């Protein structure tokens, strides 16, 4: 069987969501083609050659961009089986099936994809992502440094899922407060592959790098020891920055340039409705702690909050539900 994996959008990064299932599929002896249509044109002959076409849907934008491509695949290769996987696949299952997608898998659909293609797949807890046929890292977003130089950026995941239940987050309906760690050796092997391909900075795509703080610090210590000079960035909740403030200097020492944190709002009432687990004062304190440790804090906010002068629980629930498909 021939499988075509398609990514439509992944924040300008080389898609982990293609590399990881590619490792499972190729390990099962399945011929696997990977296409990132955010960076390359997908020719009809690649579509026509596939017996199974699987769309990677990690976010709302990727899902929207996949819609016309699903139609195109059905037109070019009507006999191909269609699948979708990634965080936004299960929460858009009904819409995807209406579009003709027969197999809707979750964000960790590697084993299920391999089983669809092969029928029988040996069990494996984790495999090193196979990036061998992906576009070069230089084709993706780079990091501009204060001195004007740029760093080639790679990315990987140290954990999957999240143990928190923030009401606006699309991770919650899928993982429901669960997360698990990717083995350190697997993470490091994936990083080493990207460093060998030219990466000088790594973005950890975990929803919260400090869901497992001991696991996280083991990884960054090995990163600093095995690849000195390679920098990185992470995403951490405000409440975890406060809870694990003693680890911030360790992040700075091992090469962390900045921490992204979903602050979402500086209004305590909005934060309460979103169940963020922090207050405006906590945010201010997190800024101070990061500055003191020498790590930049990069906050993100829910843009819709600026449109409301007062919030009711009903209004907040309407905004916090997953985006309709």
C-alpha atoms as a PDB file:
ATOM      1  CA  UNK A   1       0.000   0.000   0.000  1.00  0.00           C
ATOM      2  CA  UNK A   2       1.075   3.574  -0.705  1.00  0.00           C
ATOM      3  CA  UNK A   3       0.266   6.233   1.907  1.00  0.00           C
ATOM      4  CA  UNK A   4       0.311   9.992   1.421  1.00  0.00           C
ATOM      5  CA  UNK A   5       0.533  12.111   4.582  1.00  0.00           C
ATOM      6  CA  UNK A   6      -0.477  15.752   4.141  1.00  0.00           C
ATOM      7  CA  UNK A   7       0.164  18.751   6.383  1.00  0.00           C
ATOM      8  CA  UNK A   8      -1.552  22.016   5.473  1.00  0.00           C
ATOM      9  CA  UNK A   9      -0.235  24.256   8.259  1.00  0.00           C
ATOM     10  CA  UNK A  10       1.884  23.823  11.399  1.00  0.00           C
ATOM     11  CA  UNK A  11       2.924  27.314  12.562  1.00  0.00           C
ATOM     12  CA  UNK A  12       5.759  27.513  10.060  1.00  0.00           C
ATOM     13  CA  UNK A  13       7.504  24.480  11.527  1.00  0.00           C
ATOM     14  CA  UNK A  14       8.651  21.274   9.853  1.00  0.00           C
ATOM     15  CA  UNK A  15       5.682  19.052  10.774  1.00  0.00           C
ATOM     16  CA  UNK A  16       6.283  16.634  13.621  1.00  0.00           C
ATOM     17  CA  UNK A  17       2.859  15.287  12.643  1.00  0.00           C
ATOM     18  CA  UNK A  18       4.295  13.958   9.377  1.00  0.00           C
ATOM     19  CA  UNK A  19       7.624  12.737  10.726  1.00  0.00           C
ATOM     20  CA  UNK A  20       6.210  10.687  13.593  1.00  0.00           C
ATOM     21  CA  UNK A  21       3.628   8.602  11.659  1.00  0.00           C
ATOM     22  CA  UNK A  22       6.105   8.246   8.796  1.00  0.00           C
ATOM     23  CA  UNK A  23       8.392   6.370  11.191  1.00  0.00           C
ATOM     24  CA  UNK A  24       5.581   3.985  12.157  1.00  0.00           C
ATOM     25  CA  UNK A  25       4.425   3.429   8.586  1.00  0.00           C
ATOM     26  CA  UNK A  26       7.885   2.859   7.153  1.00  0.00           C
ATOM     27  CA  UNK A  27       8.733   0.651  10.106  1.00  0.00           C
ATOM     28  CA  UNK A  28       5.757  -1.497   9.089  1.00  0.00           C
ATOM     29  CA  UNK A  29       7.059  -1.695   5.530  1.00  0.00           C
ATOM     30  CA  UNK A  30       4.568   0.801   4.070  1.00  0.00           C
ATOM     31  CA  UNK A  31       5.643   3.128   1.257  1.00  0.00           C
ATOM     32  CA  UNK A  32       5.056   6.624   2.632  1.00  0.00           C
ATOM     33  CA  UNK A  33       5.048  10.002   0.907  1.00  0.00           C
ATOM     34  CA  UNK A  34       4.957  13.220   2.979  1.00  0.00           C
ATOM     35  CA  UNK A  35       3.651  16.514   1.600  1.00  0.00           C
ATOM     36  CA  UNK A  36       3.686  19.860   3.392  1.00  0.00           C
ATOM     37  CA  UNK A  37       1.454  21.989   1.198  1.00  0.00           C
ATOM     38  CA  UNK A  38       2.271  25.102   3.220  1.00  0.00           C
ATOM     39  CA  UNK A  39       5.716  24.944   1.597  1.00  0.00           C
ATOM     40  CA  UNK A  40       5.335  22.939  -1.630  1.00  0.00           C
ATOM     41  CA  UNK A  41       2.906  22.285  -4.454  1.00  0.00           C
ATOM     42  CA  UNK A  42       1.243  18.900  -4.379  1.00  0.00           C
ATOM     43  CA  UNK A  43       1.103  17.387  -7.857  1.00  0.00           C
ATOM     44  CA  UNK A  44      -1.861  15.274  -8.913  1.00  0.00           C
ATOM     45  CA  UNK A  45       0.366  12.288  -9.639  1.00  0.00           C
ATOM     46  CA  UNK A  46       1.345  12.058  -5.957  1.00  0.00           C
ATOM     47  CA  UNK A  47      -2.328  12.010  -5.017  1.00  0.00           C
ATOM     48  CA  UNK A  48      -3.162   9.457  -7.702  1.00  0.00           C
ATOM     49  CA  UNK A  49      -0.426   7.095  -6.487  1.00  0.00           C
ATOM     50  CA  UNK A  50      -1.846   6.849  -2.945  1.00  0.00           C
ATOM     51  CA  UNK A  51      -4.090   4.106  -1.621  1.00  0.00           C
ATOM     52  CA  UNK A  52      -4.543   5.975   1.673  1.00  0.00           C
ATOM     53  CA  UNK A  53      -4.390   9.756   2.085  1.00  0.00           C
ATOM     54  CA  UNK A  54      -4.170  11.063   5.666  1.00  0.00           C
ATOM     55  CA  UNK A  55      -4.515  14.714   6.669  1.00  0.00           C
ATOM     56  CA  UNK A  56      -2.684  16.066   9.713  1.00  0.00           C
ATOM     57  CA  UNK A  57      -4.963  18.523  11.555  1.00  0.00           C
ATOM     58  CA  UNK A  58      -3.191  19.983  14.611  1.00  0.00           C
ATOM     59  CA  UNK A  59      -5.203  23.234  14.740  1.00  0.00           C
ATOM     60  CA  UNK A  60      -8.178  25.143  13.370  1.00  0.00           C
ATOM     61  CA  UNK A  61      -6.240  26.829  10.545  1.00  0.00           C
ATOM     62  CA  UNK A  62      -4.892  23.499   9.310  1.00  0.00           C
ATOM     63  CA  UNK A  63      -8.404  22.042   9.358  1.00  0.00           C
ATOM     64  CA  UNK A  64      -9.878  24.897   7.332  1.00  0.00           C
ATOM     65  CA  UNK A  65      -7.059  24.709   4.787  1.00  0.00           C
ATOM     66  CA  UNK A  66      -7.610  20.966   4.429  1.00  0.00           C
ATOM     67  CA  UNK A  67     -11.225  21.369   3.269  1.00  0.00           C
ATOM     68  CA  UNK A  68     -10.582  22.177  -0.422  1.00  0.00           C
ATOM     69  CA  UNK A  69      -7.699  19.698  -0.497  1.00  0.00           C
ATOM     70  CA  UNK A  70      -9.968  16.896   0.705  1.00  0.00           C
ATOM     71  CA  UNK A  71     -12.295  17.722  -2.184  1.00  0.00           C
ATOM     72  CA  UNK A  72      -9.378  17.707  -4.599  1.00  0.00           C
ATOM     73  CA  UNK A  73      -8.122  14.323  -3.396  1.00  0.00           C
ATOM     74  CA  UNK A  74     -11.598  12.825  -3.815  1.00  0.00           C
ATOM     75  CA  UNK A  75     -11.770  14.238  -7.340  1.00  0.00           C
ATOM     76  CA  UNK A  76      -8.282  13.146  -8.426  1.00  0.00           C
ATOM     77  CA  UNK A  77      -8.269   9.755  -6.686  1.00  0.00           C
ATOM     78  CA  UNK A  78     -11.823   8.689  -5.795  1.00  0.00           C
ATOM     79  CA  UNK A  79     -10.715   5.171  -4.861  1.00  0.00           C
ATOM     80  CA  UNK A  80      -8.282   6.308  -2.157  1.00  0.00           C
ATOM     81  CA  UNK A  81      -9.240   5.824   1.476  1.00  0.00           C
ATOM     82  CA  UNK A  82      -9.201   9.085   3.437  1.00  0.00           C
ATOM     83  CA  UNK A  83      -8.114   9.581   7.034  1.00  0.00           C
ATOM     84  CA  UNK A  84      -7.584  12.545   9.338  1.00  0.00           C
ATOM     85  CA  UNK A  85      -5.551  12.695  12.519  1.00  0.00           C
ATOM     86  CA  UNK A  86      -4.307  15.324  14.939  1.00  0.00           C
ATOM     87  CA  UNK A  87      -5.851  17.355  17.747  1.00  0.00           C
ATOM     88  CA  UNK A  88      -8.601  18.866  15.593  1.00  0.00           C
ATOM     89  CA  UNK A  89      -9.646  15.634  13.885  1.00  0.00           C
ATOM     90  CA  UNK A  90     -11.808  14.120  16.651  1.00  0.00           C
ATOM     91  CA  UNK A  91     -13.504  17.403  17.565  1.00  0.00           C
ATOM     92  CA  UNK A  92     -14.454  17.847  13.898  1.00  0.00           C
ATOM     93  CA  UNK A  93     -15.317  14.198  13.278  1.00  0.00           C
ATOM     94  CA  UNK A  94     -18.855  14.769  11.991  1.00  0.00           C
ATOM     95  CA  UNK A  95     -17.758  17.449   9.532  1.00  0.00           C
ATOM     96  CA  UNK A  96     -14.849  15.320   8.311  1.00  0.00           C
ATOM     97  CA  UNK A  97     -17.093  12.317   7.705  1.00  0.00           C
ATOM     98  CA  UNK A  98     -19.516  14.520   5.789  1.00  0.00           C
ATOM     99  CA  UNK A  99     -16.520  15.497   3.628  1.00  0.00           C
ATOM    100  CA  UNK A 100     -15.839  11.824   2.873  1.00  0.00           C
ATOM    101  CA  UNK A 101     -13.117  11.102   5.457  1.00  0.00           C
ATOM    102  CA  UNK A 102     -13.713   7.523   6.550  1.00  0.00           C
ATOM    103  CA  UNK A 103     -11.135   7.255   9.338  1.00  0.00           C
ATOM    104  CA  UNK A 104     -10.956   9.936  12.045  1.00  0.00           C
ATOM    105  CA  UNK A 105      -8.075   9.397  14.464  1.00  0.00           C
ATOM    106  CA  UNK A 106      -6.740  11.304  17.454  1.00  0.00           C
ATOM    107  CA  UNK A 107      -3.614  13.426  17.883  1.00  0.00           C
ATOM    108  CA  UNK A 108      -1.459  10.329  18.374  1.00  0.00           C
ATOM    109  CA  UNK A 109      -2.755   8.256  15.498  1.00  0.00           C
ATOM    110  CA  UNK A 110       0.533   6.715  14.425  1.00  0.00           C
ATOM    111  CA  UNK A 111      -0.276   3.130  15.336  1.00  0.00           C
ATOM    112  CA  UNK A 112      -3.809   3.375  13.938  1.00  0.00           C
ATOM    113  CA  UNK A 113      -2.518   4.777  10.637  1.00  0.00           C
ATOM    114  CA  UNK A 114      -0.004   1.962  10.343  1.00  0.00           C
ATOM    115  CA  UNK A 115      -2.746  -0.558  11.109  1.00  0.00           C
ATOM    116  CA  UNK A 116      -4.981   0.957   8.407  1.00  0.00           C
ATOM    117  CA  UNK A 117      -2.182   0.598   5.889  1.00  0.00           C
ATOM    118  CA  UNK A 118      -0.802  -2.738   6.988  1.00  0.00           C
ATOM    119  CA  UNK A 119      -3.492  -4.463   8.998  1.00  0.00           C
ATOM    120  CA  UNK A 120      -1.105  -5.834  11.631  1.00  0.00           C
ATOM    121  CA  UNK A 121       1.460  -3.676  13.392  1.00  0.00           C
ATOM    122  CA  UNK A 122       3.926  -4.643  16.086  1.00  0.00           C
ATOM    123  CA  UNK A 123       3.370  -2.708  19.293  1.00  0.00           C
ATOM    124  CA  UNK A 124       5.817   0.083  20.068  1.00  0.00           C
ATOM    125  CA  UNK A 125       5.583   2.808  22.674  1.00  0.00           C
ATOM    126  CA  UNK A 126       7.553   5.417  20.763  1.00  0.00           C
ATOM    127  CA  UNK A 127       9.676   5.668  17.648  1.00  0.00           C
ATOM    128  CA  UNK A 128      12.125   8.338  16.561  1.00  0.00           C
ATOM    129  CA  UNK A 129      10.329  10.556  14.016  1.00  0.00           C
ATOM    130  CA  UNK A 130      11.471   9.987  10.442  1.00  0.00           C
ATOM    131  CA  UNK A 131      12.264  13.385   8.872  1.00  0.00           C
ATOM    132  CA  UNK A 132      14.285  11.945   6.003  1.00  0.00           C
ATOM    133  CA  UNK A 133      11.902  12.998   3.217  1.00  0.00           C
ATOM    134  CA  UNK A 134      10.602  16.242   4.710  1.00  0.00           C
ATOM    135  CA  UNK A 135      11.580  19.592   3.253  1.00  0.00           C
ATOM    136  CA  UNK A 136      14.821  21.098   4.654  1.00  0.00           C
ATOM    137  CA  UNK A 137      14.590  23.109   7.863  1.00  0.00           C
ATOM    138  CA  UNK A 138      15.820  26.151   5.953  1.00  0.00           C
ATOM    139  CA  UNK A 139      12.436  26.187   4.181  1.00  0.00           C
ATOM    140  CA  UNK A 140      10.704  26.903   7.478  1.00  0.00           C
ATOM    141  CA  UNK A 141      10.494  29.786   9.937  1.00  0.00           C
ATOM    142  CA  UNK A 142      13.783  30.993  11.394  1.00  0.00           C
ATOM    143  CA  UNK A 143      14.558  32.866  14.604  1.00  0.00           C
ATOM    144  CA  UNK A 144      15.837  36.437  14.268  1.00  0.00           C
ATOM    145  CA  UNK A 145      18.265  37.320  17.057  1.00  0.00           C
ATOM    146  CA  UNK A 146      18.761  40.813  18.564  1.00  0.00           C
ATOM    147  CA  UNK A 147      22.090  41.211  16.737  1.00  0.00           C
ATOM    148  CA  UNK A 148      20.383  40.624  13.375  1.00  0.00           C
ATOM    149  CA  UNK A 149      21.633  37.061  12.918  1.00  0.00           C
ATOM    150  CA  UNK A 150      19.212  34.183  12.366  1.00  0.00           C
ATOM    151  CA  UNK A 151      18.964  30.682  13.752  1.00  0.00           C
ATOM    152  CA  UNK A 152      17.602  27.665  11.897  1.00  0.00           C
ATOM    153  CA  UNK A 153      14.722  26.295  13.945  1.00  0.00           C
ATOM    154  CA  UNK A 154      13.814  22.685  14.569  1.00  0.00           C
ATOM    155  CA  UNK A 155      10.955  21.442  16.728  1.00  0.00           C
ATOM    156  CA  UNK A 156       9.922  18.420  18.734  1.00  0.00           C
ATOM    157  CA  UNK A 157       7.596  17.318  21.541  1.00  0.00           C
ATOM    158  CA  UNK A 158       8.727  16.161  24.971  1.00  0.00           C
ATOM    159  CA  UNK A 159       5.176  15.396  26.117  1.00  0.00           C
ATOM    160  CA  UNK A 160       1.718  14.920  24.626  1.00  0.00           C
ATOM    161  CA  UNK A 161      -1.524  16.204  26.129  1.00  0.00           C
ATOM    162  CA  UNK A 162      -1.969  18.435  29.172  1.00  0.00           C
ATOM    163  CA  UNK A 163      -3.085  17.871  32.743  1.00  0.00           C
ATOM    164  CA  UNK A 164      -5.014  21.153  32.925  1.00  0.00           C
ATOM    165  CA  UNK A 165      -8.632  21.914  32.013  1.00  0.00           C
ATOM    166  CA  UNK A 166      -8.609  25.521  30.785  1.00  0.00           C
ATOM    167  CA  UNK A 167     -12.069  26.189  29.349  1.00  0.00           C
ATOM    168  CA  UNK A 168     -10.924  27.799  26.097  1.00  0.00           C
ATOM    169  CA  UNK A 169      -8.411  25.111  25.142  1.00  0.00           C
ATOM    170  CA  UNK A 170      -8.994  22.566  22.336  1.00  0.00           C
ATOM    171  CA  UNK A 171      -6.655  20.089  24.042  1.00  0.00           C
ATOM    172  CA  UNK A 172      -9.119  19.516  26.881  1.00  0.00           C
ATOM    173  CA  UNK A 173     -11.910  17.718  24.938  1.00  0.00           C
ATOM    174  CA  UNK A 174      -9.362  15.277  23.512  1.00  0.00           C
ATOM    175  CA  UNK A 175      -7.048  14.595  26.467  1.00  0.00           C
ATOM    176  CA  UNK A 176      -9.386  15.478  29.367  1.00  0.00           C
ATOM    177  CA  UNK A 177      -6.575  16.368  31.751  1.00  0.00           C
ATOM    178  CA  UNK A 178      -4.178  13.590  30.737  1.00  0.00           C
ATOM    179  CA  UNK A 179      -0.632  13.837  29.457  1.00  0.00           C
ATOM    180  CA  UNK A 180       2.312  11.518  29.003  1.00  0.00           C
ATOM    181  CA  UNK A 181       6.011  11.949  28.508  1.00  0.00           C
ATOM    182  CA  UNK A 182       7.926  10.992  25.380  1.00  0.00           C
ATOM    183  CA  UNK A 183      11.015   8.959  26.364  1.00  0.00           C
ATOM    184  CA  UNK A 184      14.072  11.176  26.776  1.00  0.00           C
ATOM    185  CA  UNK A 185      16.152   9.104  24.348  1.00  0.00           C
ATOM    186  CA  UNK A 186      13.490   9.493  21.635  1.00  0.00           C
ATOM    187  CA  UNK A 187      13.324  13.264  22.146  1.00  0.00           C
ATOM    188  CA  UNK A 188      17.100  13.581  22.057  1.00  0.00           C
ATOM    189  CA  UNK A 189      17.418  11.420  18.947  1.00  0.00           C
ATOM    190  CA  UNK A 190      14.893  13.632  17.154  1.00  0.00           C
ATOM    191  CA  UNK A 191      16.764  16.767  18.247  1.00  0.00           C
ATOM    192  CA  UNK A 192      20.097  15.311  17.140  1.00  0.00           C
ATOM    193  CA  UNK A 193      18.681  14.541  13.694  1.00  0.00           C
ATOM    194  CA  UNK A 194      17.603  18.158  13.316  1.00  0.00           C
ATOM    195  CA  UNK A 195      20.873  19.568  14.635  1.00  0.00           C
ATOM    196  CA  UNK A 196      22.702  17.441  12.084  1.00  0.00           C
ATOM    197  CA  UNK A 197      20.388  18.978   9.466  1.00  0.00           C
ATOM    198  CA  UNK A 198      21.393  22.486  10.531  1.00  0.00           C
ATOM    199  CA  UNK A 199      19.106  23.405  13.421  1.00  0.00           C
ATOM    200  CA  UNK A 200      20.638  25.798  15.939  1.00  0.00           C
ATOM    201  CA  UNK A 201      17.429  26.393  17.901  1.00  0.00           C
ATOM    202  CA  UNK A 202      14.703  23.967  19.015  1.00  0.00           C
ATOM    203  CA  UNK A 203      11.071  24.803  19.727  1.00  0.00           C
ATOM    204  CA  UNK A 204       9.421  22.395  22.152  1.00  0.00           C
ATOM    205  CA  UNK A 205       5.816  22.110  21.025  1.00  0.00           C
ATOM    206  CA  UNK A 206       4.432  20.788  24.319  1.00  0.00           C
ATOM    207  CA  UNK A 207       1.253  22.550  25.491  1.00  0.00           C
ATOM    208  CA  UNK A 208       3.038  22.943  28.843  1.00  0.00           C
ATOM    209  CA  UNK A 209       6.703  22.006  29.157  1.00  0.00           C
ATOM    210  CA  UNK A 210       6.377  21.882  32.948  1.00  0.00           C
ATOM    211  CA  UNK A 211       3.520  19.396  33.049  1.00  0.00           C
ATOM    212  CA  UNK A 212       6.378  17.051  33.885  1.00  0.00           C
ATOM    213  CA  UNK A 213       9.083  19.339  35.315  1.00  0.00           C
ATOM    214  CA  UNK A 214      11.568  16.589  36.164  1.00  0.00           C
ATOM    215  CA  UNK A 215      11.245  15.099  32.674  1.00  0.00           C
ATOM    216  CA  UNK A 216      11.651  18.565  31.158  1.00  0.00           C
ATOM    217  CA  UNK A 217      14.821  19.409  33.055  1.00  0.00           C
ATOM    218  CA  UNK A 218      16.390  16.054  32.191  1.00  0.00           C
ATOM    219  CA  UNK A 219      15.894  16.862  28.527  1.00  0.00           C
ATOM    220  CA  UNK A 220      17.307  20.394  28.657  1.00  0.00           C
ATOM    221  CA  UNK A 221      20.346  19.241  30.621  1.00  0.00           C
ATOM    222  CA  UNK A 222      21.073  16.635  27.960  1.00  0.00           C
ATOM    223  CA  UNK A 223      20.442  19.164  25.206  1.00  0.00           C
ATOM    224  CA  UNK A 224      22.990  21.538  26.722  1.00  0.00           C
ATOM    225  CA  UNK A 225      25.518  18.744  27.240  1.00  0.00           C
ATOM    226  CA  UNK A 226      25.151  17.058  23.841  1.00  0.00           C
ATOM    227  CA  UNK A 227      24.582  20.160  21.713  1.00  0.00           C
ATOM    228  CA  UNK A 228      26.253  23.132  23.391  1.00  0.00           C
ATOM    229  CA  UNK A 229      25.281  26.404  21.769  1.00  0.00           C
ATOM    230  CA  UNK A 230      21.907  25.154  20.544  1.00  0.00           C
ATOM    231  CA  UNK A 231      19.179  27.324  22.061  1.00  0.00           C
ATOM    232  CA  UNK A 232      15.521  26.528  22.624  1.00  0.00           C
ATOM    233  CA  UNK A 233      12.108  27.870  23.624  1.00  0.00           C
ATOM    234  CA  UNK A 234       9.218  26.336  25.551  1.00  0.00           C
ATOM    235  CA  UNK A 235       5.601  26.974  26.513  1.00  0.00           C
ATOM    236  CA  UNK A 236       4.772  27.072  30.243  1.00  0.00           C
ATOM    237  CA  UNK A 237       1.635  28.099  32.155  1.00  0.00           C
ATOM    238  CA  UNK A 238       1.896  31.128  34.426  1.00  0.00           C
ATOM    239  CA  UNK A 239       1.006  29.020  37.464  1.00  0.00           C
ATOM    240  CA  UNK A 240       3.832  26.605  36.621  1.00  0.00           C
ATOM    241  CA  UNK A 241       6.312  29.457  36.210  1.00  0.00           C
ATOM    242  CA  UNK A 242       5.432  30.482  39.768  1.00  0.00           C
ATOM    243  CA  UNK A 243       5.360  26.933  41.152  1.00  0.00           C
ATOM    244  CA  UNK A 244       8.679  25.967  39.574  1.00  0.00           C
ATOM    245  CA  UNK A 245      10.421  29.339  39.722  1.00  0.00           C
ATOM    246  CA  UNK A 246      13.556  27.679  41.084  1.00  0.00           C
ATOM    247  CA  UNK A 247      13.975  25.935  37.709  1.00  0.00           C
ATOM    248  CA  UNK A 248      13.998  29.164  35.678  1.00  0.00           C
ATOM    249  CA  UNK A 249      17.753  29.793  36.128  1.00  0.00           C
ATOM    250  CA  UNK A 250      18.341  26.214  34.971  1.00  0.00           C
ATOM    251  CA  UNK A 251      16.392  26.936  31.791  1.00  0.00           C
ATOM    252  CA  UNK A 252      18.426  30.087  31.188  1.00  0.00           C
ATOM    253  CA  UNK A 253      21.701  28.260  31.803  1.00  0.00           C
ATOM    254  CA  UNK A 254      20.841  25.459  29.376  1.00  0.00           C
ATOM    255  CA  UNK A 255      19.949  27.813  26.525  1.00  0.00           C
ATOM    256  CA  UNK A 256      16.273  28.766  26.865  1.00  0.00           C
ATOM    257  CA  UNK A 257      15.795  32.090  25.076  1.00  0.00           C
ATOM    258  CA  UNK A 258      12.124  32.629  25.818  1.00  0.00           C
ATOM    259  CA  UNK A 259       9.039  31.128  27.405  1.00  0.00           C
ATOM    260  CA  UNK A 260       5.675  31.446  25.693  1.00  0.00           C
ATOM    261  CA  UNK A 261       2.781  31.561  28.143  1.00  0.00           C
ATOM    262  CA  UNK A 262      -0.949  31.726  27.402  1.00  0.00           C
ATOM    263  CA  UNK A 263      -1.789  34.614  29.711  1.00  0.00           C
ATOM    264  CA  UNK A 264      -5.032  35.180  27.741  1.00  0.00           C
ATOM    265  CA  UNK A 265      -6.215  38.234  29.719  1.00  0.00           C
ATOM    266  CA  UNK A 266      -5.181  40.687  32.443  1.00  0.00           C
ATOM    267  CA  UNK A 267      -8.754  40.859  33.760  1.00  0.00           C
ATOM    268  CA  UNK A 268      -9.204  38.621  36.808  1.00  0.00           C
ATOM    269  CA  UNK A 269     -12.895  38.010  36.045  1.00  0.00           C
ATOM    270  CA  UNK A 270     -12.103  36.814  32.527  1.00  0.00           C
ATOM    271  CA  UNK A 271      -9.292  34.631  33.857  1.00  0.00           C
ATOM    272  CA  UNK A 272     -11.690  33.096  36.379  1.00  0.00           C
ATOM    273  CA  UNK A 273     -14.198  32.214  33.648  1.00  0.00           C
ATOM    274  CA  UNK A 274     -11.413  30.728  31.518  1.00  0.00           C
ATOM    275  CA  UNK A 275     -10.193  28.633  34.476  1.00  0.00           C
ATOM    276  CA  UNK A 276      -6.631  29.681  33.706  1.00  0.00           C
ATOM    277  CA  UNK A 277      -5.350  29.091  37.223  1.00  0.00           C
ATOM    278  CA  UNK A 278      -3.635  32.472  37.531  1.00  0.00           C
ATOM    279  CA  UNK A 279      -4.459  36.112  38.222  1.00  0.00           C
ATOM    280  CA  UNK A 280      -3.236  39.437  36.885  1.00  0.00           C
ATOM    281  CA  UNK A 281      -0.920  39.681  39.891  1.00  0.00           C
ATOM    282  CA  UNK A 282       0.467  36.217  39.115  1.00  0.00           C
ATOM    283  CA  UNK A 283       1.283  37.362  35.582  1.00  0.00           C
ATOM    284  CA  UNK A 284       3.138  40.403  36.906  1.00  0.00           C
ATOM    285  CA  UNK A 285       5.106  38.177  39.275  1.00  0.00           C
ATOM    286  CA  UNK A 286       5.932  35.729  36.479  1.00  0.00           C
ATOM    287  CA  UNK A 287       7.335  38.593  34.408  1.00  0.00           C
ATOM    288  CA  UNK A 288       9.538  39.579  37.335  1.00  0.00           C
ATOM    289  CA  UNK A 289      10.768  36.032  37.920  1.00  0.00           C
ATOM    290  CA  UNK A 290      11.628  35.487  34.265  1.00  0.00           C
ATOM    291  CA  UNK A 291      13.492  38.785  34.031  1.00  0.00           C
ATOM    292  CA  UNK A 292      15.397  37.937  37.186  1.00  0.00           C
ATOM    293  CA  UNK A 293      16.356  34.529  35.728  1.00  0.00           C
ATOM    294  CA  UNK A 294      17.381  36.005  32.371  1.00  0.00           C
ATOM    295  CA  UNK A 295      14.635  34.394  30.287  1.00  0.00           C
ATOM    296  CA  UNK A 296      12.227  36.437  28.155  1.00  0.00           C
ATOM    297  CA  UNK A 297       8.522  35.851  28.850  1.00  0.00           C
ATOM    298  CA  UNK A 298       6.431  36.019  25.668  1.00  0.00           C
ATOM    299  CA  UNK A 299       2.723  36.233  26.628  1.00  0.00           C
ATOM    300  CA  UNK A 300      -0.198  35.423  24.349  1.00  0.00           C
ATOM    301  CA  UNK A 301      -3.758  36.669  24.751  1.00  0.00           C
ATOM    302  CA  UNK A 302      -7.258  35.670  23.640  1.00  0.00           C
ATOM    303  CA  UNK A 303      -8.047  38.417  21.118  1.00  0.00           C
ATOM    304  CA  UNK A 304     -11.807  38.190  21.593  1.00  0.00           C
ATOM    305  CA  UNK A 305     -11.570  39.400  25.197  1.00  0.00           C
ATOM    306  CA  UNK A 306     -10.940  42.951  24.040  1.00  0.00           C
ATOM    307  CA  UNK A 307     -14.396  43.035  22.460  1.00  0.00           C
ATOM    308  CA  UNK A 308     -16.197  42.619  25.787  1.00  0.00           C
ATOM    309  CA  UNK A 309     -16.455  45.263  28.495  1.00  0.00           C
ATOM    310  CA  UNK A 310     -18.447  42.882  30.697  1.00  0.00           C
ATOM    311  CA  UNK A 311     -18.573  39.103  30.581  1.00  0.00           C
ATOM    312  CA  UNK A 312     -21.345  36.726  31.496  1.00  0.00           C
ATOM    313  CA  UNK A 313     -20.737  32.994  32.041  1.00  0.00           C
ATOM    314  CA  UNK A 314     -22.906  32.277  28.990  1.00  0.00           C
ATOM    315  CA  UNK A 315     -20.840  34.581  26.774  1.00  0.00           C
ATOM    316  CA  UNK A 316     -17.594  33.082  28.016  1.00  0.00           C
ATOM    317  CA  UNK A 317     -18.802  29.546  27.397  1.00  0.00           C
ATOM    318  CA  UNK A 318     -19.760  30.477  23.852  1.00  0.00           C
ATOM    319  CA  UNK A 319     -16.270  31.841  23.166  1.00  0.00           C
ATOM    320  CA  UNK A 320     -14.490  28.996  24.916  1.00  0.00           C
ATOM    321  CA  UNK A 321     -16.112  26.137  23.043  1.00  0.00           C
ATOM    322  CA  UNK A 322     -14.005  24.648  20.200  1.00  0.00           C
ATOM    323  CA  UNK A 323     -14.327  26.604  16.988  1.00  0.00           C
ATOM    324  CA  UNK A 324     -17.173  25.238  14.875  1.00  0.00           C
ATOM    325  CA  UNK A 325     -16.158  23.342  11.809  1.00  0.00           C
END
